[in-house]
Protein backbone atom coordinates (compact mmCIF):
# COMPACT_ATOMS: atom_id res chain seq x y z
CA UNK A 1 -8.23 -17.65 -68.92
CA UNK A 2 -10.59 -20.27 -68.11
CA UNK A 3 -13.11 -20.09 -65.29
CA UNK A 4 -11.15 -22.68 -62.96
CA UNK A 5 -7.85 -20.75 -62.87
CA UNK A 6 -9.84 -17.39 -62.69
CA UNK A 7 -11.69 -18.64 -59.49
CA UNK A 8 -8.02 -19.81 -58.04
CA UNK A 9 -6.95 -16.25 -58.51
CA UNK A 10 -9.70 -14.72 -56.75
CA UNK A 11 -9.46 -17.26 -54.02
CA UNK A 12 -5.71 -16.51 -53.27
CA UNK A 13 -6.51 -12.87 -53.47
CA UNK A 14 -9.00 -12.99 -50.80
CA UNK A 15 -6.72 -15.19 -48.59
CA UNK A 16 -4.09 -12.90 -48.87
CA UNK A 17 -6.32 -10.08 -47.71
CA UNK A 18 -7.81 -12.23 -44.64
CA UNK A 19 -4.09 -13.23 -43.69
CA UNK A 20 -3.00 -9.71 -43.73
CA UNK A 21 -5.84 -8.55 -41.56
CA UNK A 22 -5.29 -11.36 -39.24
CA UNK A 23 -1.74 -10.33 -38.87
CA UNK A 24 -2.40 -6.76 -38.35
CA UNK A 25 -5.13 -7.31 -35.94
CA UNK A 26 -7.13 -4.24 -34.67
CA UNK A 27 -5.49 -1.30 -34.43
CA UNK A 28 -5.26 0.65 -31.10
CA UNK A 29 -6.04 4.29 -31.17
CA UNK A 30 -2.40 6.31 -31.05
CA UNK A 31 -3.82 8.68 -28.45
CA UNK A 32 -5.04 5.85 -26.13
CA UNK A 33 -1.39 4.09 -26.49
CA UNK A 34 0.31 7.71 -25.85
CA UNK A 35 -1.96 7.93 -22.61
CA UNK A 36 -0.99 4.83 -21.31
CA UNK A 37 2.83 5.41 -22.02
CA UNK A 38 2.57 8.67 -20.08
CA UNK A 39 0.66 7.11 -17.28
CA UNK A 40 3.15 4.45 -16.72
CA UNK A 41 5.97 7.25 -17.14
CA UNK A 42 4.19 9.34 -14.36
CA UNK A 43 3.70 6.86 -11.87
CA UNK A 44 7.68 5.85 -12.38
CA UNK A 45 8.64 9.44 -11.78
CA UNK A 46 6.43 9.85 -8.70
CA UNK A 47 7.97 6.49 -7.30
CA UNK A 48 11.46 7.62 -7.92
CA UNK A 49 10.68 11.16 -6.57
CA UNK A 50 9.02 9.50 -3.29
CA UNK A 51 11.82 7.12 -2.87
CA UNK A 52 14.51 9.88 -3.33
CA UNK A 53 12.59 11.86 -0.59
CA UNK A 54 12.60 8.83 1.54
CA UNK A 55 16.27 8.58 1.40
CA UNK A 56 16.72 12.27 2.48
CA UNK A 57 14.25 11.51 5.14
CA UNK A 58 16.42 8.84 6.61
CA UNK A 59 19.59 10.92 6.35
CA UNK A 60 18.20 13.57 8.18
CA UNK A 61 17.15 11.08 10.87
CA UNK A 62 20.62 9.89 10.99
CA UNK A 63 21.52 6.60 13.36
CA UNK A 64 20.24 8.18 16.35
CA UNK A 65 16.76 8.81 14.89
CA UNK A 66 16.12 5.13 14.40
CA UNK A 67 15.63 2.19 16.46
CA UNK A 68 18.10 -0.77 16.04
CA UNK A 69 16.15 -3.88 15.85
CA UNK A 70 17.26 -7.32 16.76
CA UNK A 71 17.78 -9.86 14.06
CA UNK A 72 14.82 -11.95 15.28
CA UNK A 73 12.87 -8.85 15.06
CA UNK A 74 13.53 -7.97 11.73
CA UNK A 75 12.96 -11.58 10.80
CA UNK A 76 9.57 -11.26 12.09
CA UNK A 77 8.76 -8.49 10.36
CA UNK A 78 9.57 -10.06 6.94
CA UNK A 79 7.79 -13.04 7.78
CA UNK A 80 4.76 -10.76 8.37
CA UNK A 81 5.27 -9.09 5.04
CA UNK A 82 5.65 -12.60 3.27
CA UNK A 83 2.53 -14.12 4.81
CA UNK A 84 0.42 -11.30 3.90
CA UNK A 85 1.79 -11.11 0.05
CA UNK A 86 1.95 -14.90 -0.35
CA UNK A 87 -1.62 -15.33 0.82
CA UNK A 88 -2.86 -12.50 -1.72
CA UNK A 89 -0.57 -13.72 -4.74
CA UNK A 90 -3.36 -12.96 -7.18
CA UNK A 91 -2.92 -9.24 -6.23
CA UNK A 92 0.88 -9.19 -5.50
CA UNK A 93 2.29 -11.49 -8.24
CA UNK A 94 5.54 -9.85 -7.63
CA UNK A 95 6.80 -7.42 -5.18
CA UNK A 96 9.73 -5.65 -3.59
CA UNK A 97 11.86 -7.01 -1.06
CA UNK A 98 10.70 -5.07 2.41
CA UNK A 99 13.01 -2.55 4.12
CA UNK A 100 11.58 -1.63 7.87
CA UNK A 101 12.47 1.34 9.74
CA UNK A 102 11.39 1.94 13.37
CA UNK A 103 11.58 5.86 13.75
CA UNK A 104 12.77 6.94 17.46
CA UNK A 105 9.97 9.39 17.72
CA UNK A 106 7.19 9.42 20.36
CA UNK A 107 4.67 10.67 18.14
CA UNK A 108 2.27 7.67 16.62
CA UNK A 109 2.71 7.41 12.65
CA UNK A 110 3.19 5.07 9.77
CA UNK A 111 3.76 5.48 6.23
CA UNK A 112 5.42 3.64 3.18
CA UNK A 113 7.10 4.70 0.25
CA UNK A 114 7.01 2.76 -3.12
CA UNK A 115 9.34 -0.38 -3.55
CA UNK A 116 8.58 -2.01 -0.47
CA UNK A 117 10.14 1.01 2.13
CA UNK A 118 7.82 1.10 5.44
CA UNK A 119 8.06 3.63 8.50
CA UNK A 120 6.58 2.85 12.01
CA UNK A 121 7.29 5.00 14.86
CA UNK A 122 8.31 4.03 18.26
CA UNK A 123 5.48 5.91 19.73
CA UNK A 124 2.69 3.96 17.59
CA UNK A 125 4.32 0.70 18.78
CA UNK A 126 4.36 1.48 22.30
CA UNK A 127 1.11 3.45 22.91
CA UNK A 128 -1.26 1.95 20.02
CA UNK A 129 -0.08 -1.61 18.85
CA UNK A 130 -1.00 -3.74 21.87
CA UNK A 131 -1.30 -6.81 20.07
CA UNK A 132 -0.22 -8.52 16.76
CA UNK A 133 -3.33 -8.17 14.60
CA UNK A 134 -3.24 -4.17 15.14
CA UNK A 135 0.40 -4.26 13.82
CA UNK A 136 -0.90 -6.39 10.98
CA UNK A 137 -3.35 -3.97 10.25
CA UNK A 138 -0.72 -1.13 9.82
CA UNK A 139 1.41 -3.46 7.66
CA UNK A 140 -1.36 -4.61 5.45
CA UNK A 141 -2.45 -0.90 4.62
CA UNK A 142 1.04 0.24 3.81
CA UNK A 143 1.72 -3.00 1.77
CA UNK A 144 -1.29 -2.39 -0.37
CA UNK A 145 -0.22 1.19 -0.65
CA UNK A 146 3.64 0.62 -1.52
CA UNK A 147 3.14 -2.14 -3.82
CA UNK A 148 0.03 -0.59 -5.80
CA UNK A 149 1.60 2.99 -5.65
CA UNK A 150 -1.41 4.37 -3.98
CA UNK A 151 0.08 8.16 -3.33
CA UNK A 152 -1.14 11.69 -4.84
CA UNK A 153 1.22 13.60 -6.94
CA UNK A 154 1.95 16.91 -5.25
CA UNK A 155 4.21 19.78 -6.21
CA UNK A 156 7.06 19.53 -3.90
CA UNK A 157 9.93 22.08 -3.84
CA UNK A 158 13.27 20.38 -2.88
CA UNK A 159 15.05 21.89 0.06
CA UNK A 160 17.61 19.16 0.73
CA UNK A 161 16.45 17.89 4.10
CA UNK A 162 13.03 16.36 4.81
CA UNK A 163 11.91 15.94 8.45
CA UNK A 164 8.90 13.89 9.60
CA UNK A 165 6.07 16.33 9.38
CA UNK A 166 7.15 17.08 5.76
CA UNK A 167 6.86 13.52 4.79
CA UNK A 168 3.87 12.51 6.20
CA UNK A 169 2.32 15.47 4.52
CA UNK A 170 3.85 14.41 1.16
CA UNK A 171 2.31 10.70 1.70
CA UNK A 172 -1.15 11.79 3.27
CA UNK A 173 -4.11 10.70 1.41
CA UNK A 174 -7.75 12.23 1.52
CA UNK A 175 -10.25 10.32 3.40
CA UNK A 176 -11.78 9.06 0.05
CA UNK A 177 -8.84 7.28 -0.85
CA UNK A 178 -8.21 6.00 2.88
CA UNK A 179 -11.72 4.42 2.52
CA UNK A 180 -10.54 2.18 -0.45
CA UNK A 181 -7.19 1.29 1.16
CA UNK A 182 -9.27 -0.01 4.22
CA UNK A 183 -11.19 -2.02 2.21
CA UNK A 184 -8.29 -3.80 0.71
CA UNK A 185 -6.54 -4.13 4.10
CA UNK A 186 -9.78 -5.81 5.17
CA UNK A 187 -9.50 -8.32 2.47
CA UNK A 188 -5.67 -8.76 2.68
CA UNK A 189 -6.03 -9.52 6.35
CA UNK A 190 -8.83 -12.13 6.02
CA UNK A 191 -7.10 -13.89 3.19
CA UNK A 192 -3.86 -13.94 5.40
CA UNK A 193 -5.72 -15.66 8.46
CA UNK A 194 -5.60 -12.47 10.63
CA UNK A 195 -8.32 -10.75 12.49
CA UNK A 196 -9.70 -8.07 10.28
CA UNK A 197 -11.58 -6.76 13.33
CA UNK A 198 -8.52 -5.22 14.22
CA UNK A 199 -8.68 -2.57 11.46
CA UNK A 200 -11.71 -1.16 12.79
CA UNK A 201 -10.12 -1.17 16.19
CA UNK A 202 -6.99 0.65 14.92
CA UNK A 203 -9.34 3.24 12.99
CA UNK A 204 -11.23 3.80 16.36
CA UNK A 205 -8.24 4.39 18.48
CA UNK A 206 -7.12 6.88 15.94
CA UNK A 207 -10.39 8.58 16.05
CA UNK A 208 -10.48 8.57 20.00
CA UNK A 209 -6.90 10.05 20.14
CA UNK A 210 -7.08 12.15 16.71
CA UNK A 211 -4.86 14.86 17.84
CA UNK A 212 -2.10 12.31 18.21
CA UNK A 213 -2.63 11.50 14.46
CA UNK A 214 -3.04 15.28 13.16
CA UNK A 215 0.18 15.33 11.49
CA UNK A 216 -0.77 11.90 9.77
CA UNK A 217 -4.25 12.81 8.37
CA UNK A 218 -4.12 16.67 8.54
CA UNK A 219 -7.64 17.38 9.39
CA UNK A 220 -8.42 15.30 12.21
CA UNK A 221 -12.14 15.63 11.67
CA UNK A 222 -11.61 13.12 8.48
CA UNK A 223 -10.98 10.54 11.09
CA UNK A 224 -14.51 10.07 12.18
CA UNK A 225 -15.39 10.18 8.43
CA UNK A 226 -12.96 7.11 7.89
CA UNK A 227 -14.50 5.09 10.92
CA UNK A 228 -18.06 5.73 9.15
CA UNK A 229 -17.04 4.56 5.86
CA UNK A 230 -15.54 1.55 7.11
CA UNK A 231 -18.40 0.69 9.14
CA UNK A 232 -20.71 1.48 6.12
CA UNK A 233 -18.45 -1.00 4.01
CA UNK A 234 -18.63 -3.77 6.98
CA UNK A 235 -22.26 -3.44 7.07
CA UNK A 236 -22.51 -4.30 3.44
CA UNK A 237 -20.35 -7.18 3.40
CA UNK A 238 -21.88 -10.55 3.91
CA UNK A 239 -21.38 -12.02 7.71
CA UNK A 240 -19.55 -8.99 8.93
CA UNK A 241 -22.13 -6.92 10.71
CA UNK A 242 -21.04 -7.69 13.96
CA UNK A 243 -17.31 -7.99 13.82
CA UNK A 244 -15.21 -7.81 16.75
CA UNK A 245 -11.48 -8.36 17.70
CA UNK A 246 -10.77 -11.91 18.51
CA UNK A 247 -8.88 -12.08 21.79
CA UNK A 248 -5.67 -14.05 21.23
CA UNK A 249 -2.03 -14.24 21.99
CA UNK A 250 0.48 -12.50 19.98
CA UNK A 251 3.38 -14.25 18.57
CA UNK A 252 7.10 -14.34 20.34
CA UNK A 253 8.22 -12.05 17.22
CA UNK A 254 5.59 -9.51 18.13
CA UNK A 255 6.90 -9.28 21.83
CA UNK A 256 10.53 -9.14 20.50
CA UNK A 257 9.68 -6.43 18.54
CA UNK A 258 8.13 -4.67 21.66
CA UNK A 259 11.04 -5.05 23.72
CA UNK A 260 13.35 -3.58 21.33
CA UNK A 261 11.40 -0.07 21.29
CA UNK A 262 11.05 -0.20 25.04
């Protein structure tokens, strides 16, 4: 075999090896791949389980346990949801169609479930949500939780019926996780052109009336810690050291919602 032909064969051999390597690419550790798959499956399982418990809760409340909203109020809540998600499209590249339940109970609480399912009590709206930005602070925090699956996995023994106390204990977060949710809520509100100072106002309202929110947080002493953590976050955020609630008129949709719960 002459030298030229031998050289061509060697070149072809090395090209074949290089092509094979480029097609195969860097291989992923099978253990990492399995762990990722297990995390996704675990999150999906948790989401499905929480939605199932939410349906049990709704069934347990019945029609009498819910406030019937006017079409105007429902449209208003959907518009708020759309404004928050569309102005934060990098975070919410896709999101669930929202479903809102106004629970006919005097105790103040709010929570969400995966898949865009939101619950706000009549007592919270009447006694604590005096303006639109306070309502937005509630909604933004729950939109973040629902869309990003911010829930703790807990051991739950199915009993067939779920009441308010039980569902609140299931979706309850420790103060460290609430601190992270509050940071994101602040950013969601700011990017949506709502007053983020309302979030601090909401936390302070909860702290001053801690006993009213015992079912929501569990240990009421954690609310003061939550306020401290959020103020600490603000102190480290540029131009937010002197944050305050901007007084402005709420929209007609907000007052329509208020009338529905009176």
